[in-house]
Amino acid sequence: MSSESRVNGFGWFFSAFVLGATAGAAIALLTAPRSGRETRERLKKSASDLQKTMRHVPGTIQRAAERAVKAGQVAFEHARDDVR
């Protein structure tokens, strides 16, 4: 499996996790003992906050994956040199 497909796989997993967490939060807000207006306002704010956060996620995941791949390559090279 290439490092790119692992990164994409993790990205999908992370996106699904965030989507699930968001759905859970939305359900919790909708069933909370608050007025409909207050609940909708909180839900709008939460959606807006999530949208702002999600803009940064793909780049953050990509940079973390690149660092992990680079560290793995360095570790492999050191191990290979030790075997020689």
N, C-alpha and C. Protein backbone atom coordinates (compact mmCIF):
# COMPACT_ATOMS: atom_id res chain seq x y z
N MET A 1 0.86 -1.18 0.00
CA MET A 1 0.00 0.00 0.00
C MET A 1 0.90 1.23 0.00
N SER A 2 0.66 2.17 -0.91
CA SER A 2 1.49 3.35 -0.99
C SER A 2 1.18 4.30 0.16
N SER A 3 2.15 5.17 0.44
CA SER A 3 1.94 6.12 1.54
C SER A 3 0.79 7.07 1.22
N GLU A 4 0.61 7.36 -0.07
CA GLU A 4 -0.48 8.27 -0.45
C GLU A 4 -1.84 7.63 -0.18
N SER A 5 -1.99 6.34 -0.48
CA SER A 5 -3.28 5.71 -0.21
C SER A 5 -3.52 5.57 1.28
N ARG A 6 -2.44 5.38 2.07
CA ARG A 6 -2.62 5.33 3.53
C ARG A 6 -3.07 6.69 4.05
N VAL A 7 -2.48 7.76 3.51
CA VAL A 7 -2.87 9.11 3.93
C VAL A 7 -4.32 9.36 3.56
N ASN A 8 -4.70 9.00 2.33
CA ASN A 8 -6.09 9.20 1.91
C ASN A 8 -7.02 8.36 2.77
N GLY A 9 -6.63 7.14 3.11
CA GLY A 9 -7.45 6.29 3.96
C GLY A 9 -7.64 6.90 5.33
N PHE A 10 -6.56 7.44 5.89
CA PHE A 10 -6.68 8.09 7.19
C PHE A 10 -7.55 9.33 7.09
N GLY A 11 -7.40 10.07 5.99
CA GLY A 11 -8.22 11.26 5.80
C GLY A 11 -9.70 10.93 5.77
N TRP A 12 -10.05 9.83 5.08
CA TRP A 12 -11.45 9.40 5.04
C TRP A 12 -11.91 8.97 6.42
N PHE A 13 -11.06 8.23 7.12
CA PHE A 13 -11.41 7.78 8.47
C PHE A 13 -11.64 8.98 9.37
N PHE A 14 -10.72 9.94 9.33
CA PHE A 14 -10.82 11.12 10.18
C PHE A 14 -12.07 11.93 9.83
N SER A 15 -12.34 12.06 8.52
CA SER A 15 -13.54 12.80 8.10
C SER A 15 -14.80 12.11 8.60
N ALA A 16 -14.83 10.78 8.51
CA ALA A 16 -15.99 10.03 9.00
C ALA A 16 -16.14 10.20 10.50
N PHE A 17 -15.01 10.20 11.22
CA PHE A 17 -15.05 10.40 12.66
C PHE A 17 -15.61 11.77 13.00
N VAL A 18 -15.13 12.80 12.32
CA VAL A 18 -15.61 14.17 12.58
C VAL A 18 -17.08 14.28 12.22
N LEU A 19 -17.49 13.67 11.10
CA LEU A 19 -18.89 13.72 10.70
C LEU A 19 -19.76 13.03 11.76
N GLY A 20 -19.31 11.90 12.26
CA GLY A 20 -20.06 11.20 13.30
C GLY A 20 -20.17 12.02 14.58
N ALA A 21 -19.05 12.63 14.95
CA ALA A 21 -19.06 13.47 16.15
C ALA A 21 -20.00 14.66 15.97
N THR A 22 -20.00 15.23 14.77
CA THR A 22 -20.88 16.36 14.48
C THR A 22 -22.34 15.93 14.54
N ALA A 23 -22.63 14.78 13.96
CA ALA A 23 -24.01 14.28 14.00
C ALA A 23 -24.44 14.04 15.44
N GLY A 24 -23.56 13.46 16.24
CA GLY A 24 -23.88 13.24 17.65
C GLY A 24 -24.12 14.53 18.39
N ALA A 25 -23.28 15.52 18.11
CA ALA A 25 -23.46 16.82 18.75
C ALA A 25 -24.78 17.47 18.33
N ALA A 26 -25.11 17.34 17.05
CA ALA A 26 -26.36 17.92 16.55
C ALA A 26 -27.56 17.26 17.23
N ILE A 27 -27.51 15.94 17.35
CA ILE A 27 -28.61 15.23 18.02
C ILE A 27 -28.72 15.66 19.48
N ALA A 28 -27.57 15.80 20.13
CA ALA A 28 -27.57 16.22 21.53
C ALA A 28 -28.17 17.63 21.66
N LEU A 29 -27.80 18.51 20.75
CA LEU A 29 -28.34 19.87 20.80
C LEU A 29 -29.85 19.88 20.53
N LEU A 30 -30.27 19.06 19.58
CA LEU A 30 -31.69 19.05 19.22
C LEU A 30 -32.57 18.43 20.31
N THR A 31 -32.00 17.56 21.11
CA THR A 31 -32.79 16.93 22.17
C THR A 31 -32.57 17.60 23.53
N ALA A 32 -31.77 18.64 23.56
CA ALA A 32 -31.50 19.33 24.82
C ALA A 32 -32.73 20.14 25.25
N PRO A 33 -32.87 20.35 26.54
CA PRO A 33 -34.03 21.10 27.04
C PRO A 33 -33.84 22.62 26.89
N ARG A 34 -33.73 23.08 25.66
CA ARG A 34 -33.61 24.51 25.37
C ARG A 34 -34.73 24.87 24.39
N SER A 35 -34.93 26.15 24.22
CA SER A 35 -35.93 26.58 23.25
C SER A 35 -35.43 26.28 21.84
N GLY A 36 -36.35 26.19 20.91
CA GLY A 36 -35.99 25.92 19.53
C GLY A 36 -35.07 26.99 18.96
N ARG A 37 -35.34 28.24 19.26
CA ARG A 37 -34.52 29.35 18.75
C ARG A 37 -33.10 29.24 19.29
N GLU A 38 -32.96 29.02 20.59
CA GLU A 38 -31.64 28.93 21.20
C GLU A 38 -30.87 27.72 20.64
N THR A 39 -31.57 26.61 20.47
CA THR A 39 -30.93 25.41 19.93
C THR A 39 -30.45 25.65 18.50
N ARG A 40 -31.28 26.28 17.67
CA ARG A 40 -30.88 26.56 16.29
C ARG A 40 -29.68 27.50 16.24
N GLU A 41 -29.66 28.50 17.09
CA GLU A 41 -28.53 29.43 17.13
C GLU A 41 -27.24 28.70 17.53
N ARG A 42 -27.34 27.84 18.52
CA ARG A 42 -26.16 27.08 18.95
C ARG A 42 -25.71 26.13 17.85
N LEU A 43 -26.65 25.53 17.17
CA LEU A 43 -26.33 24.61 16.08
C LEU A 43 -25.65 25.36 14.93
N LYS A 44 -26.15 26.53 14.59
CA LYS A 44 -25.52 27.34 13.54
C LYS A 44 -24.09 27.72 13.92
N LYS A 45 -23.90 28.12 15.18
CA LYS A 45 -22.56 28.50 15.63
C LYS A 45 -21.63 27.29 15.60
N SER A 46 -22.12 26.14 16.04
CA SER A 46 -21.30 24.93 16.02
C SER A 46 -20.92 24.55 14.60
N ALA A 47 -21.86 24.64 13.67
CA ALA A 47 -21.59 24.32 12.27
C ALA A 47 -20.56 25.28 11.69
N SER A 48 -20.69 26.54 12.03
CA SER A 48 -19.73 27.54 11.55
C SER A 48 -18.33 27.27 12.10
N ASP A 49 -18.27 26.96 13.40
CA ASP A 49 -16.98 26.65 14.02
C ASP A 49 -16.35 25.41 13.39
N LEU A 50 -17.17 24.40 13.14
CA LEU A 50 -16.67 23.16 12.54
C LEU A 50 -16.16 23.44 11.13
N GLN A 51 -16.88 24.24 10.39
CA GLN A 51 -16.47 24.58 9.03
C GLN A 51 -15.11 25.27 9.03
N LYS A 52 -14.90 26.19 9.96
CA LYS A 52 -13.61 26.87 10.07
C LYS A 52 -12.50 25.88 10.41
N THR A 53 -12.77 24.97 11.32
CA THR A 53 -11.78 23.98 11.73
C THR A 53 -11.45 23.03 10.58
N MET A 54 -12.48 22.58 9.86
CA MET A 54 -12.28 21.61 8.79
C MET A 54 -11.44 22.16 7.65
N ARG A 55 -11.40 23.46 7.48
CA ARG A 55 -10.55 24.03 6.43
C ARG A 55 -9.08 23.73 6.68
N HIS A 56 -8.70 23.56 7.94
CA HIS A 56 -7.31 23.34 8.29
C HIS A 56 -6.94 21.86 8.35
N VAL A 57 -7.92 20.99 8.44
CA VAL A 57 -7.65 19.56 8.66
C VAL A 57 -6.88 18.90 7.53
N PRO A 58 -7.28 19.04 6.25
CA PRO A 58 -6.55 18.33 5.20
C PRO A 58 -5.06 18.67 5.15
N GLY A 59 -4.75 19.94 5.25
CA GLY A 59 -3.34 20.35 5.23
C GLY A 59 -2.58 19.82 6.43
N THR A 60 -3.21 19.83 7.59
CA THR A 60 -2.58 19.33 8.81
C THR A 60 -2.31 17.84 8.70
N ILE A 61 -3.28 17.09 8.20
CA ILE A 61 -3.10 15.65 8.02
C ILE A 61 -1.99 15.38 7.00
N GLN A 62 -2.00 16.11 5.91
CA GLN A 62 -0.99 15.93 4.87
C GLN A 62 0.42 16.19 5.42
N ARG A 63 0.58 17.27 6.17
CA ARG A 63 1.90 17.58 6.74
C ARG A 63 2.34 16.51 7.74
N ALA A 64 1.42 16.05 8.56
CA ALA A 64 1.74 15.00 9.53
C ALA A 64 2.14 13.71 8.82
N ALA A 65 1.43 13.37 7.77
CA ALA A 65 1.75 12.16 7.01
C ALA A 65 3.11 12.28 6.34
N GLU A 66 3.40 13.44 5.79
CA GLU A 66 4.71 13.65 5.15
C GLU A 66 5.84 13.50 6.17
N ARG A 67 5.64 14.05 7.37
CA ARG A 67 6.67 13.92 8.42
C ARG A 67 6.83 12.46 8.83
N ALA A 68 5.71 11.74 8.93
CA ALA A 68 5.77 10.33 9.33
C ALA A 68 6.48 9.50 8.26
N VAL A 69 6.19 9.76 6.99
CA VAL A 69 6.85 9.03 5.91
C VAL A 69 8.34 9.32 5.92
N LYS A 70 8.70 10.58 6.10
CA LYS A 70 10.11 10.97 6.12
C LYS A 70 10.83 10.30 7.30
N ALA A 71 10.20 10.29 8.46
CA ALA A 71 10.80 9.64 9.64
C ALA A 71 10.96 8.14 9.40
N GLY A 72 9.97 7.53 8.75
CA GLY A 72 10.07 6.11 8.44
C GLY A 72 11.19 5.82 7.48
N GLN A 73 11.38 6.68 6.49
CA GLN A 73 12.47 6.50 5.54
C GLN A 73 13.82 6.61 6.23
N VAL A 74 13.95 7.58 7.11
CA VAL A 74 15.21 7.75 7.85
C VAL A 74 15.47 6.54 8.73
N ALA A 75 14.45 6.05 9.42
CA ALA A 75 14.61 4.87 10.28
C ALA A 75 15.00 3.66 9.44
N PHE A 76 14.39 3.51 8.27
CA PHE A 76 14.73 2.39 7.39
C PHE A 76 16.18 2.48 6.94
N GLU A 77 16.61 3.69 6.56
CA GLU A 77 18.00 3.86 6.11
C GLU A 77 18.98 3.54 7.24
N HIS A 78 18.68 3.96 8.46
CA HIS A 78 19.55 3.66 9.60
C HIS A 78 19.60 2.16 9.85
N ALA A 79 18.45 1.50 9.80
CA ALA A 79 18.41 0.06 10.02
C ALA A 79 19.17 -0.67 8.92
N ARG A 80 19.01 -0.21 7.69
CA ARG A 80 19.73 -0.81 6.56
C ARG A 80 21.23 -0.64 6.73
N ASP A 81 21.66 0.54 7.18
CA ASP A 81 23.09 0.77 7.39
C ASP A 81 23.62 -0.10 8.53
N ASP A 82 22.81 -0.31 9.56
CA ASP A 82 23.22 -1.17 10.69
C ASP A 82 23.40 -2.60 10.25
N VAL A 83 22.54 -3.06 9.34
CA VAL A 83 22.64 -4.44 8.85
C VAL A 83 23.89 -4.63 8.01
N ARG A 84 24.25 -3.64 7.27
CA ARG A 84 25.46 -3.72 6.43
C ARG A 84 26.65 -3.73 7.32
